[in-house]
Amino acid sequence: METVIKIACQDEKGLVHKITGILFDNLLNVTRTNEFVDDAFNQFFMRISYVGNCDIVQLHSELKSVLPQDAIVHIIPPTLKRVVLLVTKEHHCLGDLLIRSQFQDLPFKIEAVIGNHAVLQGLCEQFRMPFHLIQADGLSREDHEKLVQDQIDTYNPDYIVLAKYMRILTPAFSAKYLGRMINIHHSFLPAFVGAKPYQQAFDRGVKIIGATAHFVTDDLDEGPIICQDVVAVNHTFSAKEMAKAGKDVEKIVLANALKMVFEDRVFMHQNKTIIFD
């Protein structure tokens, strides 16, 4: 099984040579490398995979010693990502992810589902998946999020996925899981942000509708985009029919985004992503 190294740092000459040289000295076999330099910020990004055995702590130290001081180095052994899903009432994304988890179509394990309504509890029970109902009625947004956060943290997940979780999050909650929380938005961002995007699309007479998976930040629907796709529509589609067509796009886009993230192929940089094949 391959181990992945992700590196981000200021660019300078000889970085690839230094990195691969250390792997060679540790008798590790490099199986794939990807590099990118953002010239505007003089920022270097690298994803490298290898097979072989070594002391990961020592390898990390050796890599840091030859890289610029600002270098961020992650060495990631081949393990399933542990995930908590947040949901409200819509079932299509949740159902798709439960099936993919059941049949190991993605390198992840769903630890639990948290919902602010009980609508999807029965679906989770069919998969013997823990479901935690945390209703928001009568609670401030902050108090409700504190309960949700406490429940998430009992599982210590690698990622939190908003599988049609229809609540606006506070900046504090978003910041706690920055880079670890992924949302599926039912439009082709940056168009039609916020509520009722399909109604917005219908009102504008658009010819394509889409979906966007992105990292969550404290700016509503403005986080770095991971994956997008579209489907054609025409003047005969009502807003309801657009929403129905959009659900298929949403679950595919979310699954594709999660595959890239769980395979450690995604870097966040400024308000964008860098994604290696």
Foldseek 3Di string as FASTA:
>chain_A
DKKKKKKKDQDDPPLVVQLVVLCVVQVKAKDDKDWDADVVRNMIIMMTITDDDDDVVVSVVSSCVPGPVVMDMDIGDQAAFEEEEEEEADCLQVLLVLVCQVVVVARHHYQAYEYQDCNCVVVCVVSPGHYHHQHCPPHDLVVSVVVVVVVVVVRPGQAYEYSHNPDQHAQVSLVVQFPRYKYKAFFDPPPQFDPLSLQVCLVVFDFKTKMWMARDHNDGVQAATQFMDIDTDGNVDDSVNSVVVSSVRRNVRVVVSSRQVRVVQWDDDDRYIDGDD
